[in-house]
Amino acid sequence: MSVLEEAAAHIIMGIVDHPDDVAVRTSTNPRRGTTLVINVHPDDMGRVIGRMGRTARAVRTVINALNGGKPVRVDFVGPDGR
């Protein structure tokens, strides 16, 4: 598990009610670059996104800062992939 994956998992597990359902994986695509895909329990999706997306934006800011300024896309998905 990479440093970014571990950091994202640690942050998200502190936010959600079902930390055992949190899974983070890295996906690399030549067109989209590096993407962190964060899977959470469906009941926790609202907590992770936050009001008007503020929590999700904050998580993305921290992850991009940890990556040394190189852009990283962060996607939040439920168990069904949406």
PDB file of N, CA and C in Angstrom:
ATOM      1  N   MET A   1       0.855  -1.176   0.000  1.00  0.00           N
ATOM      2  CA  MET A   1       0.000   0.000   0.000  1.00  0.00           C
ATOM      3  C   MET A   1       0.898   1.234   0.000  1.00  0.00           C
ATOM      4  N   SER A   2       0.610   2.162  -0.886  1.00  0.00           N
ATOM      5  CA  SER A   2       1.428   3.366  -0.994  1.00  0.00           C
ATOM      6  C   SER A   2       1.121   4.340   0.135  1.00  0.00           C
ATOM      7  N   VAL A   3       1.960   5.332   0.269  1.00  0.00           N
ATOM      8  CA  VAL A   3       1.777   6.343   1.302  1.00  0.00           C
ATOM      9  C   VAL A   3       0.461   7.080   1.091  1.00  0.00           C
ATOM     10  N   LEU A   4       0.138   7.393  -0.151  1.00  0.00           N
ATOM     11  CA  LEU A   4      -1.121   8.090  -0.437  1.00  0.00           C
ATOM     12  C   LEU A   4      -2.324   7.228  -0.068  1.00  0.00           C
ATOM     13  N   GLU A   5      -2.266   5.948  -0.386  1.00  0.00           N
ATOM     14  CA  GLU A   5      -3.357   5.039  -0.045  1.00  0.00           C
ATOM     15  C   GLU A   5      -3.528   4.944   1.467  1.00  0.00           C
ATOM     16  N   GLU A   6      -2.417   4.813   2.190  1.00  0.00           N
ATOM     17  CA  GLU A   6      -2.485   4.720   3.646  1.00  0.00           C
ATOM     18  C   GLU A   6      -3.035   6.002   4.258  1.00  0.00           C
ATOM     19  N   ALA A   7      -2.590   7.148   3.759  1.00  0.00           N
ATOM     20  CA  ALA A   7      -3.070   8.435   4.282  1.00  0.00           C
ATOM     21  C   ALA A   7      -4.559   8.606   4.015  1.00  0.00           C
ATOM     22  N   ALA A   8      -4.991   8.277   2.800  1.00  0.00           N
ATOM     23  CA  ALA A   8      -6.407   8.409   2.461  1.00  0.00           C
ATOM     24  C   ALA A   8      -7.249   7.472   3.323  1.00  0.00           C
ATOM     25  N   ALA A   9      -6.798   6.234   3.502  1.00  0.00           N
ATOM     26  CA  ALA A   9      -7.544   5.283   4.326  1.00  0.00           C
ATOM     27  C   ALA A   9      -7.643   5.774   5.765  1.00  0.00           C
ATOM     28  N   HIS A  10      -6.560   6.303   6.302  1.00  0.00           N
ATOM     29  CA  HIS A  10      -6.552   6.805   7.674  1.00  0.00           C
ATOM     30  C   HIS A  10      -7.530   7.975   7.841  1.00  0.00           C
ATOM     31  N   ILE A  11      -7.512   8.900   6.904  1.00  0.00           N
ATOM     32  CA  ILE A  11      -8.408  10.057   6.967  1.00  0.00           C
ATOM     33  C   ILE A  11      -9.861   9.613   6.880  1.00  0.00           C
ATOM     34  N   ILE A  12     -10.175   8.777   5.915  1.00  0.00           N
ATOM     35  CA  ILE A  12     -11.561   8.361   5.677  1.00  0.00           C
ATOM     36  C   ILE A  12     -12.067   7.501   6.828  1.00  0.00           C
ATOM     37  N   MET A  13     -11.242   6.624   7.383  1.00  0.00           N
ATOM     38  CA  MET A  13     -11.683   5.784   8.496  1.00  0.00           C
ATOM     39  C   MET A  13     -12.046   6.609   9.719  1.00  0.00           C
ATOM     40  N   GLY A  14     -11.458   7.786   9.858  1.00  0.00           N
ATOM     41  CA  GLY A  14     -11.797   8.665  10.959  1.00  0.00           C
ATOM     42  C   GLY A  14     -13.115   9.390  10.768  1.00  0.00           C
ATOM     43  N   ILE A  15     -13.630   9.399   9.560  1.00  0.00           N
ATOM     44  CA  ILE A  15     -14.861  10.118   9.240  1.00  0.00           C
ATOM     45  C   ILE A  15     -16.083   9.215   9.269  1.00  0.00           C
ATOM     46  N   VAL A  16     -15.938   7.979   8.817  1.00  0.00           N
ATOM     47  CA  VAL A  16     -17.082   7.107   8.564  1.00  0.00           C
ATOM     48  C   VAL A  16     -17.529   6.329   9.800  1.00  0.00           C
ATOM     49  N   ASP A  17     -18.753   5.793   9.726  1.00  0.00           N
ATOM     50  CA  ASP A  17     -19.297   4.939  10.783  1.00  0.00           C
ATOM     51  C   ASP A  17     -18.930   3.472  10.587  1.00  0.00           C
ATOM     52  N   HIS A  18     -18.570   3.097   9.360  1.00  0.00           N
ATOM     53  CA  HIS A  18     -18.217   1.712   9.028  1.00  0.00           C
ATOM     54  C   HIS A  18     -16.780   1.668   8.505  1.00  0.00           C
ATOM     55  N   PRO A  19     -15.784   1.828   9.375  1.00  0.00           N
ATOM     56  CA  PRO A  19     -14.397   1.875   8.889  1.00  0.00           C
ATOM     57  C   PRO A  19     -13.900   0.563   8.281  1.00  0.00           C
ATOM     58  N   ASP A  20     -14.525  -0.554   8.625  1.00  0.00           N
ATOM     59  CA  ASP A  20     -14.097  -1.840   8.059  1.00  0.00           C
ATOM     60  C   ASP A  20     -14.438  -1.955   6.579  1.00  0.00           C
ATOM     61  N   ASP A  21     -15.370  -1.126   6.104  1.00  0.00           N
ATOM     62  CA  ASP A  21     -15.774  -1.177   4.702  1.00  0.00           C
ATOM     63  C   ASP A  21     -14.969  -0.230   3.811  1.00  0.00           C
ATOM     64  N   VAL A  22     -13.992   0.467   4.362  1.00  0.00           N
ATOM     65  CA  VAL A  22     -13.181   1.401   3.586  1.00  0.00           C
ATOM     66  C   VAL A  22     -12.084   0.627   2.857  1.00  0.00           C
ATOM     67  N   ALA A  23     -11.997   0.863   1.565  1.00  0.00           N
ATOM     68  CA  ALA A  23     -10.946   0.253   0.743  1.00  0.00           C
ATOM     69  C   ALA A  23     -10.406   1.327  -0.197  1.00  0.00           C
ATOM     70  N   VAL A  24      -9.093   1.403  -0.305  1.00  0.00           N
ATOM     71  CA  VAL A  24      -8.456   2.396  -1.159  1.00  0.00           C
ATOM     72  C   VAL A  24      -7.536   1.677  -2.129  1.00  0.00           C
ATOM     73  N   ARG A  25      -7.635   2.056  -3.388  1.00  0.00           N
ATOM     74  CA  ARG A  25      -6.731   1.478  -4.387  1.00  0.00           C
ATOM     75  C   ARG A  25      -6.302   2.568  -5.360  1.00  0.00           C
ATOM     76  N   THR A  26      -5.171   2.365  -5.963  1.00  0.00           N
ATOM     77  CA  THR A  26      -4.635   3.322  -6.931  1.00  0.00           C
ATOM     78  C   THR A  26      -4.855   2.785  -8.332  1.00  0.00           C
ATOM     79  N   SER A  27      -5.296   3.676  -9.195  1.00  0.00           N
ATOM     80  CA  SER A  27      -5.496   3.329 -10.593  1.00  0.00           C
ATOM     81  C   SER A  27      -4.714   4.330 -11.437  1.00  0.00           C
ATOM     82  N   THR A  28      -3.977   3.839 -12.408  1.00  0.00           N
ATOM     83  CA  THR A  28      -3.208   4.722 -13.288  1.00  0.00           C
ATOM     84  C   THR A  28      -3.717   4.575 -14.704  1.00  0.00           C
ATOM     85  N   ASN A  29      -4.037   5.703 -15.296  1.00  0.00           N
ATOM     86  CA  ASN A  29      -4.555   5.744 -16.653  1.00  0.00           C
ATOM     87  C   ASN A  29      -3.754   6.816 -17.398  1.00  0.00           C
ATOM     88  N   PRO A  30      -3.271   6.521 -18.593  1.00  0.00           N
ATOM     89  CA  PRO A  30      -2.481   7.521 -19.320  1.00  0.00           C
ATOM     90  C   PRO A  30      -3.230   8.829 -19.582  1.00  0.00           C
ATOM     91  N   ARG A  31      -4.524   8.751 -19.765  1.00  0.00           N
ATOM     92  CA  ARG A  31      -5.301   9.960 -20.059  1.00  0.00           C
ATOM     93  C   ARG A  31      -5.695  10.718 -18.800  1.00  0.00           C
ATOM     94  N   ARG A  32      -6.034  10.000 -17.727  1.00  0.00           N
ATOM     95  CA  ARG A  32      -6.516  10.632 -16.505  1.00  0.00           C
ATOM     96  C   ARG A  32      -5.433  10.796 -15.450  1.00  0.00           C
ATOM     97  N   GLY A  33      -4.311  10.129 -15.610  1.00  0.00           N
ATOM     98  CA  GLY A  33      -3.244  10.197 -14.617  1.00  0.00           C
ATOM     99  C   GLY A  33      -3.520   9.253 -13.466  1.00  0.00           C
ATOM    100  N   THR A  34      -2.986   9.583 -12.311  1.00  0.00           N
ATOM    101  CA  THR A  34      -3.149   8.751 -11.128  1.00  0.00           C
ATOM    102  C   THR A  34      -4.479   9.056 -10.453  1.00  0.00           C
ATOM    103  N   THR A  35      -5.202   8.012 -10.098  1.00  0.00           N
ATOM    104  CA  THR A  35      -6.490   8.156  -9.426  1.00  0.00           C
ATOM    105  C   THR A  35      -6.504   7.283  -8.180  1.00  0.00           C
ATOM    106  N   LEU A  36      -6.923   7.862  -7.056  1.00  0.00           N
ATOM    107  CA  LEU A  36      -7.181   7.084  -5.847  1.00  0.00           C
ATOM    108  C   LEU A  36      -8.669   6.805  -5.822  1.00  0.00           C
ATOM    109  N   VAL A  37      -9.030   5.550  -5.801  1.00  0.00           N
ATOM    110  CA  VAL A  37     -10.432   5.150  -5.738  1.00  0.00           C
ATOM    111  C   VAL A  37     -10.712   4.706  -4.315  1.00  0.00           C
ATOM    112  N   ILE A  38     -11.619   5.406  -3.648  1.00  0.00           N
ATOM    113  CA  ILE A  38     -11.936   5.132  -2.254  1.00  0.00           C
ATOM    114  C   ILE A  38     -13.338   4.558  -2.180  1.00  0.00           C
ATOM    115  N   ASN A  39     -13.442   3.294  -1.752  1.00  0.00           N
ATOM    116  CA  ASN A  39     -14.737   2.637  -1.596  1.00  0.00           C
ATOM    117  C   ASN A  39     -15.183   2.774  -0.152  1.00  0.00           C
ATOM    118  N   VAL A  40     -16.441   3.174   0.046  1.00  0.00           N
ATOM    119  CA  VAL A  40     -17.006   3.303   1.385  1.00  0.00           C
ATOM    120  C   VAL A  40     -18.380   2.639   1.423  1.00  0.00           C
ATOM    121  N   HIS A  41     -18.858   2.384   2.617  1.00  0.00           N
ATOM    122  CA  HIS A  41     -20.197   1.835   2.820  1.00  0.00           C
ATOM    123  C   HIS A  41     -21.214   2.852   2.300  1.00  0.00           C
ATOM    124  N   PRO A  42     -22.320   2.403   1.696  1.00  0.00           N
ATOM    125  CA  PRO A  42     -23.307   3.342   1.142  1.00  0.00           C
ATOM    126  C   PRO A  42     -23.855   4.330   2.179  1.00  0.00           C
ATOM    127  N   ASP A  43     -23.974   3.903   3.436  1.00  0.00           N
ATOM    128  CA  ASP A  43     -24.483   4.803   4.469  1.00  0.00           C
ATOM    129  C   ASP A  43     -23.490   5.909   4.812  1.00  0.00           C
ATOM    130  N   ASP A  44     -22.229   5.727   4.481  1.00  0.00           N
ATOM    131  CA  ASP A  44     -21.194   6.705   4.804  1.00  0.00           C
ATOM    132  C   ASP A  44     -20.903   7.673   3.661  1.00  0.00           C
ATOM    133  N   MET A  45     -21.505   7.474   2.516  1.00  0.00           N
ATOM    134  CA  MET A  45     -21.195   8.316   1.365  1.00  0.00           C
ATOM    135  C   MET A  45     -21.466   9.793   1.653  1.00  0.00           C
ATOM    136  N   GLY A  46     -22.558  10.088   2.317  1.00  0.00           N
ATOM    137  CA  GLY A  46     -22.886  11.478   2.647  1.00  0.00           C
ATOM    138  C   GLY A  46     -21.879  12.090   3.606  1.00  0.00           C
ATOM    139  N   ARG A  47     -21.394  11.308   4.541  1.00  0.00           N
ATOM    140  CA  ARG A  47     -20.394  11.798   5.494  1.00  0.00           C
ATOM    141  C   ARG A  47     -19.081  12.106   4.791  1.00  0.00           C
ATOM    142  N   VAL A  48     -18.709  11.280   3.841  1.00  0.00           N
ATOM    143  CA  VAL A  48     -17.441  11.466   3.142  1.00  0.00           C
ATOM    144  C   VAL A  48     -17.507  12.682   2.215  1.00  0.00           C
ATOM    145  N   ILE A  49     -18.629  12.881   1.589  1.00  0.00           N
ATOM    146  CA  ILE A  49     -18.765  14.020   0.678  1.00  0.00           C
ATOM    147  C   ILE A  49     -18.951  15.311   1.458  1.00  0.00           C
ATOM    148  N   GLY A  50     -19.770  15.287   2.504  1.00  0.00           N
ATOM    149  CA  GLY A  50     -19.965  16.467   3.335  1.00  0.00           C
ATOM    150  C   GLY A  50     -20.930  17.464   2.719  1.00  0.00           C
ATOM    151  N   ARG A  51     -21.212  18.509   3.473  1.00  0.00           N
ATOM    152  CA  ARG A  51     -22.110  19.554   2.977  1.00  0.00           C
ATOM    153  C   ARG A  51     -21.472  20.279   1.808  1.00  0.00           C
ATOM    154  N   MET A  52     -22.191  20.274   0.726  1.00  0.00           N
ATOM    155  CA  MET A  52     -21.757  20.939  -0.498  1.00  0.00           C
ATOM    156  C   MET A  52     -20.365  20.485  -0.952  1.00  0.00           C
ATOM    157  N   GLY A  53     -19.980  19.254  -0.587  1.00  0.00           N
ATOM    158  CA  GLY A  53     -18.718  18.683  -1.031  1.00  0.00           C
ATOM    159  C   GLY A  53     -17.489  19.176  -0.283  1.00  0.00           C
ATOM    160  N   ARG A  54     -17.692  19.826   0.855  1.00  0.00           N
ATOM    161  CA  ARG A  54     -16.548  20.405   1.578  1.00  0.00           C
ATOM    162  C   ARG A  54     -15.587  19.349   2.109  1.00  0.00           C
ATOM    163  N   THR A  55     -16.109  18.265   2.652  1.00  0.00           N
ATOM    164  CA  THR A  55     -15.234  17.220   3.196  1.00  0.00           C
ATOM    165  C   THR A  55     -14.439  16.557   2.082  1.00  0.00           C
ATOM    166  N   ALA A  56     -15.102  16.242   0.986  1.00  0.00           N
ATOM    167  CA  ALA A  56     -14.421  15.623  -0.154  1.00  0.00           C
ATOM    168  C   ALA A  56     -13.338  16.558  -0.693  1.00  0.00           C
ATOM    169  N   ARG A  57     -13.635  17.833  -0.781  1.00  0.00           N
ATOM    170  CA  ARG A  57     -12.661  18.809  -1.267  1.00  0.00           C
ATOM    171  C   ARG A  57     -11.448  18.884  -0.331  1.00  0.00           C
ATOM    172  N   ALA A  58     -11.703  18.830   0.973  1.00  0.00           N
ATOM    173  CA  ALA A  58     -10.609  18.872   1.946  1.00  0.00           C
ATOM    174  C   ALA A  58      -9.725  17.631   1.830  1.00  0.00           C
ATOM    175  N   VAL A  59     -10.343  16.464   1.665  1.00  0.00           N
ATOM    176  CA  VAL A  59      -9.569  15.224   1.501  1.00  0.00           C
ATOM    177  C   VAL A  59      -8.714  15.318   0.240  1.00  0.00           C
ATOM    178  N   ARG A  60      -9.295  15.816  -0.836  1.00  0.00           N
ATOM    179  CA  ARG A  60      -8.540  15.960  -2.088  1.00  0.00           C
ATOM    180  C   ARG A  60      -7.368  16.922  -1.921  1.00  0.00           C
ATOM    181  N   THR A  61      -7.570  18.002  -1.185  1.00  0.00           N
ATOM    182  CA  THR A  61      -6.501  18.965  -0.947  1.00  0.00           C
ATOM    183  C   THR A  61      -5.351  18.332  -0.176  1.00  0.00           C
ATOM    184  N   VAL A  62      -5.666  17.579   0.867  1.00  0.00           N
ATOM    185  CA  VAL A  62      -4.627  16.924   1.672  1.00  0.00           C
ATOM    186  C   VAL A  62      -3.861  15.901   0.838  1.00  0.00           C
ATOM    187  N   ILE A  63      -4.567  15.100   0.069  1.00  0.00           N
ATOM    188  CA  ILE A  63      -3.918  14.067  -0.746  1.00  0.00           C
ATOM    189  C   ILE A  63      -3.008  14.701  -1.791  1.00  0.00           C
ATOM    190  N   ASN A  64      -3.470  15.762  -2.439  1.00  0.00           N
ATOM    191  CA  ASN A  64      -2.623  16.431  -3.432  1.00  0.00           C
ATOM    192  C   ASN A  64      -1.402  17.066  -2.781  1.00  0.00           C
ATOM    193  N   ALA A  65      -1.542  17.599  -1.574  1.00  0.00           N
ATOM    194  CA  ALA A  65      -0.403  18.171  -0.861  1.00  0.00           C
ATOM    195  C   ALA A  65       0.610  17.082  -0.511  1.00  0.00           C
ATOM    196  N   LEU A  66       0.134  15.915  -0.102  1.00  0.00           N
ATOM    197  CA  LEU A  66       1.028  14.804   0.223  1.00  0.00           C
ATOM    198  C   LEU A  66       1.766  14.275  -1.000  1.00  0.00           C
ATOM    199  N   ASN A  67       1.202  14.497  -2.168  1.00  0.00           N
ATOM    200  CA  ASN A  67       1.814  13.996  -3.396  1.00  0.00           C
ATOM    201  C   ASN A  67       2.827  14.989  -3.963  1.00  0.00           C
ATOM    202  N   GLY A  68       3.175  15.997  -3.233  1.00  0.00           N
ATOM    203  CA  GLY A  68       4.203  16.931  -3.678  1.00  0.00           C
ATOM    204  C   GLY A  68       3.768  17.846  -4.795  1.00  0.00           C
ATOM    205  N   GLY A  69       2.497  18.175  -4.865  1.00  0.00           N
ATOM    206  CA  GLY A  69       2.015  19.091  -5.880  1.00  0.00           C
ATOM    207  C   GLY A  69       1.638  18.437  -7.190  1.00  0.00           C
ATOM    208  N   LYS A  70       1.950  17.159  -7.352  1.00  0.00           N
ATOM    209  CA  LYS A  70       1.538  16.466  -8.572  1.00  0.00           C
ATOM    210  C   LYS A  70       0.058  16.123  -8.431  1.00  0.00           C
ATOM    211  N   PRO A  71      -0.739  16.398  -9.446  1.00  0.00           N
ATOM    212  CA  PRO A  71      -2.176  16.176  -9.311  1.00  0.00           C
ATOM    213  C   PRO A  71      -2.548  14.700  -9.180  1.00  0.00           C
ATOM    214  N   VAL A  72      -3.446  14.444  -8.251  1.00  0.00           N
ATOM    215  CA  VAL A  72      -3.994  13.111  -8.044  1.00  0.00           C
ATOM    216  C   VAL A  72      -5.501  13.259  -8.026  1.00  0.00           C
ATOM    217  N   ARG A  73      -6.165  12.469  -8.798  1.00  0.00           N
ATOM    218  CA  ARG A  73      -7.622  12.481  -8.805  1.00  0.00           C
ATOM    219  C   ARG A  73      -8.099  11.558  -7.692  1.00  0.00           C
ATOM    220  N   VAL A  74      -9.088  12.005  -6.916  1.00  0.00           N
ATOM    221  CA  VAL A  74      -9.632  11.201  -5.819  1.00  0.00           C
ATOM    222  C   VAL A  74     -11.113  10.977  -6.096  1.00  0.00           C
ATOM    223  N   ASP A  75     -11.509   9.712  -6.259  1.00  0.00           N
ATOM    224  CA  ASP A  75     -12.905   9.346  -6.522  1.00  0.00           C
ATOM    225  C   ASP A  75     -13.451   8.572  -5.334  1.00  0.00           C
ATOM    226  N   PHE A  76     -14.657   8.940  -4.904  1.00  0.00           N
ATOM    227  CA  PHE A  76     -15.347   8.238  -3.839  1.00  0.00           C
ATOM    228  C   PHE A  76     -16.456   7.411  -4.456  1.00  0.00           C
ATOM    229  N   VAL A  77     -16.451   6.109  -4.165  1.00  0.00           N
ATOM    230  CA  VAL A  77     -17.462   5.220  -4.734  1.00  0.00           C
ATOM    231  C   VAL A  77     -18.030   4.316  -3.653  1.00  0.00           C
ATOM    232  N   GLY A  78     -19.253   3.880  -3.873  1.00  0.00           N
ATOM    233  CA  GLY A  78     -19.872   2.898  -2.987  1.00  0.00           C
ATOM    234  C   GLY A  78     -19.500   1.499  -3.440  1.00  0.00           C
ATOM    235  N   PRO A  79     -20.004   0.489  -2.792  1.00  0.00           N
ATOM    236  CA  PRO A  79     -19.644  -0.886  -3.146  1.00  0.00           C
ATOM    237  C   PRO A  79     -20.109  -1.288  -4.534  1.00  0.00           C
ATOM    238  N   ASP A  80     -21.097  -0.585  -5.074  1.00  0.00           N
ATOM    239  CA  ASP A  80     -21.588  -0.908  -6.411  1.00  0.00           C
ATOM    240  C   ASP A  80     -20.798  -0.193  -7.506  1.00  0.00           C
ATOM    241  N   GLY A  81     -19.775   0.579  -7.115  1.00  0.00           N
ATOM    242  CA  GLY A  81     -18.936   1.245  -8.105  1.00  0.00           C
ATOM    243  C   GLY A  81     -19.418   2.604  -8.510  1.00  0.00           C
ATOM    244  N   ARG A  82     -20.470   3.105  -7.867  1.00  0.00           N
ATOM    245  CA  ARG A  82     -20.963   4.445  -8.214  1.00  0.00           C
ATOM    246  C   ARG A  82     -20.703   5.413  -7.103  1.00  0.00           C
TER     247      ARG A  82
END
